[in-house]
Protein backbone atom coordinates (compact mmCIF):
# COMPACT_ATOMS: atom_id res chain seq x y z
CA MET A 1 -136.69 12.23 -37.78
CA LYS A 2 -136.65 8.29 -38.05
CA ALA A 3 -135.98 6.61 -41.22
CA VAL A 4 -137.40 3.20 -42.46
CA PHE A 5 -135.47 1.83 -45.28
CA PHE A 6 -136.59 -0.59 -47.90
CA ASP A 7 -135.39 -2.37 -51.42
CA SER A 8 -138.59 -2.29 -52.74
CA ILE A 9 -142.34 -1.21 -51.82
CA ASP A 10 -146.51 -1.14 -52.61
CA ASN A 11 -146.01 2.60 -52.23
CA THR A 12 -143.94 4.67 -49.48
CA GLN A 13 -146.43 7.32 -49.10
CA ASP A 14 -149.36 4.75 -48.08
CA TYR A 15 -146.78 3.21 -45.40
CA ALA A 16 -145.78 6.22 -44.08
CA LEU A 17 -149.10 7.79 -43.11
CA GLU A 18 -150.36 3.98 -41.93
CA ASN A 19 -147.09 3.57 -39.94
CA PHE A 20 -146.92 7.42 -38.64
CA GLU A 21 -146.77 7.95 -34.94
CA GLN A 22 -145.17 10.89 -33.16
CA GLU A 23 -141.63 11.58 -34.08
CA PRO A 24 -141.59 12.60 -37.89
CA LEU A 25 -140.90 9.34 -40.10
CA LEU A 26 -138.90 9.17 -43.53
CA VAL A 27 -139.71 5.99 -46.12
CA VAL A 28 -136.99 5.12 -48.60
CA SER A 29 -137.32 2.79 -51.64
CA TYR A 30 -135.72 2.29 -54.50
CA PHE A 31 -138.69 0.61 -56.05
CA GLN A 32 -142.30 1.11 -55.64
CA GLU A 33 -145.04 -1.45 -57.18
CA LYS A 34 -147.74 1.18 -56.95
CA GLY A 35 -146.41 4.66 -57.04
CA ARG A 36 -148.18 7.54 -57.82
CA GLY A 37 -147.69 11.39 -58.63
CA THR A 38 -150.18 14.21 -58.79
CA ASP A 39 -153.35 14.11 -60.01
CA ASN A 40 -153.09 10.23 -59.46
CA ARG A 41 -150.77 9.91 -62.40
CA ASP A 42 -149.05 6.53 -62.74
CA TRP A 43 -145.33 6.27 -61.15
CA GLU A 44 -142.93 4.82 -63.80
CA ASN A 45 -139.71 3.45 -61.98
CA ALA A 46 -136.36 4.00 -63.53
CA ASP A 47 -133.72 1.51 -63.94
CA GLN A 48 -132.23 3.23 -60.56
CA ALA A 49 -135.26 5.39 -58.41
CA LEU A 50 -135.58 7.02 -55.21
CA ALA A 51 -138.73 6.91 -54.11
CA CYS A 52 -138.98 8.53 -50.40
CA SER A 53 -142.15 10.06 -48.26
CA LEU A 54 -141.43 12.85 -44.85
CA VAL A 55 -144.47 12.53 -42.81
CA PHE A 56 -145.27 14.99 -39.70
CA ASN A 57 -147.94 16.36 -37.73
CA GLU A 58 -146.59 19.97 -36.44
CA VAL A 59 -145.78 23.05 -38.08
CA PRO A 60 -144.72 26.48 -36.30
CA GLN A 61 -147.93 28.46 -35.74
CA HIS A 62 -147.78 31.24 -38.65
CA PHE A 63 -146.23 28.50 -41.63
CA ILE A 64 -147.53 29.01 -44.68
CA LYS A 65 -148.35 25.33 -45.64
CA THR A 66 -149.05 25.97 -49.76
CA LEU A 67 -145.09 26.69 -49.12
CA ILE A 68 -144.48 22.90 -48.42
CA PRO A 69 -144.34 21.58 -52.23
CA LEU A 70 -141.58 24.60 -52.80
CA ILE A 71 -139.67 23.81 -49.97
CA SER A 72 -139.42 19.71 -50.96
CA GLY A 73 -138.38 20.65 -54.69
CA TYR A 74 -135.85 23.28 -53.60
CA SER A 75 -134.26 21.01 -50.58
CA TYR A 76 -133.30 18.55 -53.15
CA LEU A 77 -131.59 20.69 -55.43
CA GLU A 78 -129.92 21.69 -52.34
CA THR A 79 -129.09 18.35 -51.52
CA VAL A 80 -127.09 17.71 -55.28
CA SER A 81 -126.20 20.93 -55.37
CA ASN A 82 -123.13 19.58 -57.42
CA ILE A 83 -125.55 18.71 -60.28
CA ASP A 84 -126.92 21.95 -62.06
CA LEU A 85 -130.81 20.98 -61.19
CA HIS A 86 -133.70 23.62 -61.73
CA LEU A 87 -137.99 23.68 -60.98
CA LYS A 88 -140.84 24.09 -62.74
CA TRP A 89 -143.34 25.81 -60.41
CA PRO A 90 -143.96 24.21 -57.98
CA ASN A 91 -142.08 21.59 -57.62
CA ASP A 92 -140.97 19.59 -60.58
CA ILE A 93 -136.88 18.57 -60.61
CA LEU A 94 -135.69 19.15 -64.10
CA LEU A 95 -132.39 18.69 -65.50
CA ASN A 96 -131.59 20.56 -69.39
CA ASP A 97 -135.47 21.03 -69.59
CA ALA A 98 -136.04 17.55 -68.83
CA LYS A 99 -137.97 16.41 -65.95
CA VAL A 100 -135.90 13.74 -63.88
CA GLY A 101 -138.57 14.26 -60.78
CA GLY A 102 -141.44 15.67 -58.63
CA ILE A 103 -142.89 15.83 -55.27
CA LEU A 104 -146.11 14.84 -54.07
CA VAL A 105 -148.18 16.65 -50.82
CA GLU A 106 -150.92 14.93 -48.98
CA GLU A 107 -153.11 15.15 -46.05
CA LYS A 108 -154.41 12.77 -43.78
CA ASP A 109 -156.24 13.68 -40.73
CA SER A 110 -153.58 16.05 -38.82
CA LYS A 111 -150.68 14.39 -40.76
CA ILE A 112 -148.89 15.97 -43.81
CA CYS A 113 -147.09 13.73 -45.88
CA ILE A 114 -144.35 15.17 -48.62
CA GLY A 115 -143.49 11.94 -51.03
CA MET A 116 -140.76 12.67 -53.63
CA GLY A 117 -139.31 10.61 -56.76
CA VAL A 118 -136.55 11.61 -57.93
CA ASN A 119 -135.06 9.31 -61.81
CA TYR A 120 -131.28 8.46 -61.19
CA PHE A 121 -129.86 6.46 -63.91
CA TRP A 122 -132.30 5.51 -66.86
CA GLU A 123 -130.94 3.61 -69.64
CA ASN A 124 -133.92 3.04 -72.20
CA PRO A 125 -136.40 5.08 -70.64
CA LYS A 126 -140.49 4.00 -71.31
CA ILE A 127 -141.48 7.29 -71.32
CA PRO A 128 -140.68 9.83 -74.22
CA ASN A 129 -138.10 12.58 -73.43
CA ALA A 130 -137.97 10.61 -69.99
CA SER A 131 -134.38 11.17 -68.07
CA GLY A 132 -132.25 10.91 -65.09
CA ILE A 133 -130.04 12.63 -63.70
CA TYR A 134 -126.76 10.54 -63.31
CA THR A 135 -125.60 8.41 -66.09
CA GLU A 136 -124.39 5.05 -64.18
CA LYS A 137 -125.88 3.48 -61.45
CA LEU A 138 -125.24 4.53 -57.56
CA ASP A 139 -124.21 2.38 -54.81
CA GLY A 140 -127.22 2.28 -52.68
CA GLN A 141 -125.73 4.22 -49.65
CA ILE A 142 -125.50 7.07 -51.36
CA LEU A 143 -129.08 7.66 -52.21
CA ASN A 144 -130.04 6.70 -48.90
CA ASN A 145 -127.85 9.54 -47.97
CA HIS A 146 -129.35 11.77 -50.53
CA ALA A 147 -133.09 10.72 -48.94
CA LEU A 148 -131.47 11.58 -45.70
CA HIS A 149 -130.59 15.21 -45.78
CA TRP A 150 -133.28 15.72 -48.24
CA GLY A 151 -135.53 14.42 -45.10
CA GLU A 152 -133.74 16.67 -42.30
CA LEU A 153 -133.54 19.94 -44.67
CA THR A 154 -137.14 19.55 -45.39
CA LEU A 155 -138.02 19.08 -42.34
CA ASN A 156 -135.36 21.95 -40.72
CA THR A 157 -136.46 24.25 -43.02
CA ILE A 158 -140.36 23.95 -42.47
CA GLN A 159 -139.89 23.31 -38.47
CA GLU A 160 -137.57 27.22 -38.47
CA ASN A 161 -139.86 28.02 -41.06
CA SER A 162 -137.16 29.22 -42.37
CA PHE A 163 -137.78 29.42 -46.51
CA ASP A 164 -135.95 31.79 -48.90
CA LEU A 165 -138.37 32.23 -51.52
CA SER A 166 -136.28 34.63 -53.56
CA GLU A 167 -133.22 31.46 -53.97
CA TYR A 168 -135.61 28.98 -54.51
CA LYS A 169 -136.97 32.12 -57.67
CA GLU A 170 -133.59 31.83 -58.97
CA LYS A 171 -134.11 27.69 -59.21
CA LEU A 172 -137.34 27.95 -61.41
CA THR A 173 -137.91 27.94 -65.02
CA THR A 174 -140.99 29.05 -65.29
CA LEU A 175 -140.79 33.07 -64.66
CA GLY A 176 -141.21 35.32 -67.58
CA LYS A 177 -142.54 32.70 -69.82
CA LEU A 178 -145.73 31.54 -72.06
CA ILE A 179 -147.38 28.83 -70.05
CA GLU A 180 -150.56 26.90 -70.29
CA TYR A 181 -152.90 25.90 -67.77
CA PRO A 182 -156.57 24.41 -67.67
CA GLU A 183 -158.63 27.83 -67.97
CA GLY A 184 -156.61 29.35 -70.60
CA ARG A 185 -152.73 30.53 -71.45
CA GLY A 186 -151.01 33.95 -69.88
CA TRP A 187 -147.46 34.35 -69.04
CA ALA A 188 -145.42 33.32 -65.53
CA ARG A 189 -144.82 36.67 -63.71
CA ASP A 190 -143.67 36.00 -60.10
CA VAL A 191 -143.99 33.57 -56.96
CA ASN A 192 -146.53 34.87 -54.26
CA ILE A 193 -145.63 34.70 -51.01
CA ASP A 194 -147.91 31.73 -50.13
CA GLY A 195 -146.64 29.78 -52.76
CA SER A 196 -148.76 30.51 -55.88
CA LEU A 197 -147.91 31.78 -59.09
CA SER A 198 -148.92 35.03 -60.48
CA VAL A 199 -149.72 34.55 -64.12
CA GLU A 200 -150.66 37.77 -66.88
CA THR A 201 -153.44 36.20 -68.98
CA ILE A 202 -153.46 36.49 -72.68
CA SER A 203 -155.98 39.14 -72.01
CA GLY A 204 -153.59 41.15 -69.15
CA GLU A 205 -155.81 40.75 -66.28
CA MET A 206 -153.37 39.14 -63.58
CA ILE A 207 -154.01 35.72 -61.58
CA ASN A 208 -153.31 33.66 -58.90
CA LEU A 209 -152.36 29.71 -59.80
CA THR A 210 -152.29 27.29 -56.67
CA SER A 211 -152.86 24.14 -59.46
CA PRO A 212 -149.88 22.27 -59.92
CA LEU A 213 -151.34 21.70 -63.66
CA ILE A 214 -149.17 23.51 -65.90
CA SER A 215 -147.09 23.44 -69.27
CA GLU A 216 -144.38 26.04 -70.14
CA VAL A 217 -145.76 26.49 -73.94
CA LYS A 218 -141.88 25.60 -76.20
């Protein structure tokens, strides 16, 4: 895996996709001018943040690509395992129920690009209830090391097809909760082997959700 580092960049996803050749490429930056999230939502930069994108074009023959968002989120929790982070299905990164990061997966031609953004320190959040995972700024080399470990762990898990869904579910806050999705409400019951969310609707019907656009009803 090749890695390149920036203090600031327009967008790590765009750079990764445009500069990928054959070797997996990890692009790391502390600031994005034009960051984006799921469903083209804007990305707000914290006082200290980590933005990185991992692009590659080969997966094992029987690998289930819809697991990539789950693998990516869980790999970050493994990277900073000294902090009690959790996940909201499929890959929102949470600290004390507050979102501190997320994952965006895009495919272009034969390339798969995983983008991750995490708020490390946020003194005066511009977004209500926003939070960071640390109470002070860290040395930049620590962020670089986190990015490298995350990229290697994510890539190895995919290439070895070794994702443990049961361990992922232990870190999930969503199961058992009432959730809201674009078509209605229901209770999150399980995560299927393809990464989809098994939901029992208000009427008792079992459905599988693949869109990440859900919210947990408080």
